[in-house]
């Protein structure tokens, strides 16, 4: 049973990342999994339950990946480079994007539990970027904007918005080059 559940989560994640939350049904999942719709309902009684399980699993994986970057990177700039690469790799061939960006485009269709989990995931990711900029202030590996008003928290949220927005741009334009162009300014600030 656990294998079927994980398989359904894998298929559901691919569907959301490529077509959006509204772009697939349990009939699609049943066809792709080679099972009956009733089997899906056994694991996820409603599509909202599937969405919540998807964002929770994704949040755990994303958090682990980001934590690994900070733990192993020799500098804040190196950790940021790895994070940018993670967001770029999430585009596949330009036909998918990260689950958070994909779900963010459909928040009006999501239940409150899933929206809350999505907000929590985005906040945790922004907090990770904030810790990167705090580290960069000490190791000098990222040029920090000093406008007198900017904070590491604000800059972290801006970077998250940039990366997710660059994914949307690349997916809609069907070109990973659009992502690269959008993040070039951020990458130019990395000194190592």
Protein backbone atom coordinates (compact mmCIF):
# COMPACT_ATOMS: atom_id res chain seq x y z
CA UNK A 1 0.00 0.00 0.00
CA UNK A 2 2.78 2.46 0.84
CA UNK A 3 4.33 1.94 -2.61
CA UNK A 4 1.02 2.79 -4.28
CA UNK A 5 0.69 5.90 -2.13
CA UNK A 6 4.21 7.08 -3.03
CA UNK A 7 3.59 6.29 -6.70
CA UNK A 8 0.41 8.38 -6.60
CA UNK A 9 2.31 11.21 -4.94
CA UNK A 10 4.98 11.03 -7.63
CA UNK A 11 2.37 11.11 -10.39
CA UNK A 12 0.42 13.87 -8.66
CA UNK A 13 3.53 16.00 -8.23
CA UNK A 14 4.43 15.61 -11.89
CA UNK A 15 0.88 16.54 -12.88
CA UNK A 16 0.80 19.67 -10.71
CA UNK A 17 4.29 20.77 -11.72
CA UNK A 18 3.53 20.35 -15.42
CA UNK A 19 -0.20 21.14 -15.74
CA UNK A 20 -1.17 22.89 -12.50
CA UNK A 21 -3.55 21.78 -9.78
CA UNK A 22 -6.60 22.26 -12.01
CA UNK A 23 -4.96 20.51 -14.94
CA UNK A 24 -5.47 16.92 -13.81
CA UNK A 25 -8.12 14.72 -12.24
CA UNK A 26 -8.24 11.48 -10.32
CA UNK A 27 -9.23 9.84 -13.62
CA UNK A 28 -5.90 11.02 -15.07
CA UNK A 29 -4.01 9.68 -12.04
CA UNK A 30 -5.85 6.36 -12.19
CA UNK A 31 -4.99 5.99 -15.87
CA UNK A 32 -1.34 6.92 -15.31
CA UNK A 33 -1.02 4.61 -12.30
CA UNK A 34 -2.90 1.75 -13.94
CA UNK A 35 -5.37 1.51 -11.06
CA UNK A 36 -9.01 2.34 -10.41
CA UNK A 37 -10.08 5.73 -9.10
CA UNK A 38 -11.40 4.04 -5.96
CA UNK A 39 -7.84 3.02 -5.13
CA UNK A 40 -6.77 6.66 -5.19
CA UNK A 41 -9.62 7.62 -2.88
CA UNK A 42 -8.40 4.95 -0.46
CA UNK A 43 -5.11 6.85 -0.08
CA UNK A 44 -6.40 10.39 -0.64
CA UNK A 45 -10.16 10.72 -0.05
CA UNK A 46 -10.25 14.06 -1.88
CA UNK A 47 -7.98 15.94 -4.24
CA UNK A 48 -7.39 18.45 -1.42
CA UNK A 49 -5.88 15.62 0.65
CA UNK A 50 -3.55 14.76 -2.20
CA UNK A 51 -2.48 18.41 -2.58
CA UNK A 52 -1.75 18.69 1.13
CA UNK A 53 0.29 15.48 1.10
CA UNK A 54 2.18 16.74 -1.96
CA UNK A 55 3.21 20.05 -0.40
CA UNK A 56 4.18 18.43 2.89
CA UNK A 57 6.41 15.88 1.17
CA UNK A 58 7.88 18.53 -1.10
CA UNK A 59 8.57 20.83 1.84
CA UNK A 60 10.53 18.10 3.61
CA UNK A 61 12.62 17.39 0.52
CA UNK A 62 13.23 21.05 -0.23
CA UNK A 63 14.20 21.79 3.37
CA UNK A 64 16.64 18.88 3.41
CA UNK A 65 18.24 19.97 0.12
CA UNK A 66 18.64 23.57 1.25
CA UNK A 67 20.01 22.54 4.64
CA UNK A 68 22.54 20.36 2.86
CA UNK A 69 23.69 23.29 0.76
CA UNK A 70 24.35 25.43 3.83
CA UNK A 71 26.06 22.57 5.65
CA UNK A 72 28.43 21.67 2.83
CA UNK A 73 28.97 24.93 0.96
CA UNK A 74 32.27 26.66 1.72
CA UNK A 75 30.54 30.06 1.51
CA UNK A 76 27.16 31.74 1.35
CA UNK A 77 27.77 32.41 -2.34
CA UNK A 78 28.30 28.71 -2.99
CA UNK A 79 25.09 27.86 -1.12
CA UNK A 80 23.18 30.44 -3.17
CA UNK A 81 24.66 29.03 -6.38
CA UNK A 82 23.40 25.57 -5.40
CA UNK A 83 19.93 26.95 -4.65
CA UNK A 84 19.77 28.71 -8.02
CA UNK A 85 20.80 25.44 -9.68
CA UNK A 86 18.07 23.60 -7.75
CA UNK A 87 15.41 26.00 -9.05
CA UNK A 88 16.79 25.80 -12.58
CA UNK A 89 16.87 21.99 -12.48
CA UNK A 90 13.25 22.00 -11.31
CA UNK A 91 12.33 23.27 -14.77
CA UNK A 92 13.24 19.97 -16.40
CA UNK A 93 13.24 20.73 -20.10
CA UNK A 94 11.27 23.91 -19.48
CA UNK A 95 7.96 22.09 -19.20
CA UNK A 96 7.64 21.88 -15.39
CA UNK A 97 8.45 24.05 -12.39
CA UNK A 98 8.83 23.67 -8.66
CA UNK A 99 5.74 22.56 -6.79
CA UNK A 100 5.52 25.76 -4.73
CA UNK A 101 5.46 27.97 -7.82
CA UNK A 102 2.96 25.67 -9.53
CA UNK A 103 0.61 25.60 -6.54
CA UNK A 104 0.96 29.34 -6.02
CA UNK A 105 -0.71 29.94 -9.38
CA UNK A 106 -3.77 27.97 -8.20
CA UNK A 107 -4.26 29.16 -4.61
CA UNK A 108 -7.87 30.10 -5.32
CA UNK A 109 -8.56 26.41 -5.97
CA UNK A 110 -6.72 25.03 -2.94
CA UNK A 111 -8.22 24.38 0.47
CA UNK A 112 -7.06 26.38 3.48
CA UNK A 113 -4.85 23.59 4.82
CA UNK A 114 -2.88 23.40 1.60
CA UNK A 115 -2.58 27.17 1.26
CA UNK A 116 -1.30 27.34 4.84
CA UNK A 117 1.23 24.57 4.16
CA UNK A 118 2.32 26.34 0.97
CA UNK A 119 2.76 29.63 2.86
CA UNK A 120 4.73 27.82 5.55
CA UNK A 121 7.00 26.23 2.93
CA UNK A 122 7.60 29.56 1.21
CA UNK A 123 8.34 31.21 4.56
CA UNK A 124 10.79 28.46 5.52
CA UNK A 125 12.51 28.84 2.15
CA UNK A 126 12.69 32.63 2.55
CA UNK A 127 14.15 32.09 6.02
CA UNK A 128 16.80 29.86 4.47
CA UNK A 129 17.70 32.60 1.99
CA UNK A 130 17.84 35.05 4.89
CA UNK A 131 20.38 32.84 6.64
CA UNK A 132 22.41 32.76 3.41
CA UNK A 133 22.49 36.57 3.29
CA UNK A 134 23.38 36.77 6.96
CA UNK A 135 26.27 34.41 6.31
CA UNK A 136 27.25 36.45 3.25
CA UNK A 137 27.45 39.57 5.40
CA UNK A 138 30.18 37.78 7.35
CA UNK A 139 32.06 35.99 4.57
CA UNK A 140 31.64 38.61 1.82
CA UNK A 141 30.78 36.02 -0.84
CA UNK A 142 27.65 37.82 -2.07
CA UNK A 143 27.39 41.52 -2.83
CA UNK A 144 24.74 42.83 -0.43
CA UNK A 145 22.59 45.76 -1.46
CA UNK A 146 22.85 48.63 0.96
CA UNK A 147 19.96 50.96 0.26
CA UNK A 148 19.53 51.93 3.86
CA UNK A 149 16.09 50.29 3.89
CA UNK A 150 16.79 46.76 2.67
CA UNK A 151 17.02 43.98 5.20
CA UNK A 152 18.25 40.45 4.83
CA UNK A 153 14.65 39.30 5.36
CA UNK A 154 13.40 41.54 2.57
CA UNK A 155 16.21 40.51 0.27
CA UNK A 156 15.51 36.84 1.00
CA UNK A 157 11.86 37.23 0.01
CA UNK A 158 12.90 39.10 -3.14
CA UNK A 159 15.25 36.27 -4.12
CA UNK A 160 12.53 33.66 -3.57
CA UNK A 161 10.13 35.73 -5.67
CA UNK A 162 12.80 36.10 -8.35
CA UNK A 163 13.50 32.38 -8.56
CA UNK A 164 9.84 31.35 -8.59
CA UNK A 165 8.98 34.13 -11.04
CA UNK A 166 11.87 33.15 -13.29
CA UNK A 167 10.45 29.64 -13.36
CA UNK A 168 7.03 30.96 -14.41
CA UNK A 169 8.65 33.04 -17.13
CA UNK A 170 10.69 30.10 -18.41
CA UNK A 171 7.77 27.67 -18.35
CA UNK A 172 5.37 30.03 -20.08
CA UNK A 173 8.02 30.93 -22.65
CA UNK A 174 9.09 27.28 -22.95
CA UNK A 175 12.72 28.28 -22.63
CA UNK A 176 15.17 27.67 -19.80
CA UNK A 177 17.18 30.55 -21.25
CA UNK A 178 14.50 32.89 -19.88
CA UNK A 179 15.23 31.60 -16.37
CA UNK A 180 18.95 32.13 -16.89
CA UNK A 181 18.37 35.68 -18.14
CA UNK A 182 16.10 36.50 -15.20
CA UNK A 183 18.58 35.32 -12.56
CA UNK A 184 21.74 36.66 -14.22
CA UNK A 185 21.77 39.77 -12.04
CA UNK A 186 21.53 37.69 -8.88
CA UNK A 187 24.29 35.37 -10.06
CA UNK A 188 26.53 38.34 -10.85
CA UNK A 189 26.41 39.29 -7.17
CA UNK A 190 28.06 36.01 -6.14
CA UNK A 191 31.77 36.66 -5.65
CA UNK A 192 33.09 33.10 -5.43
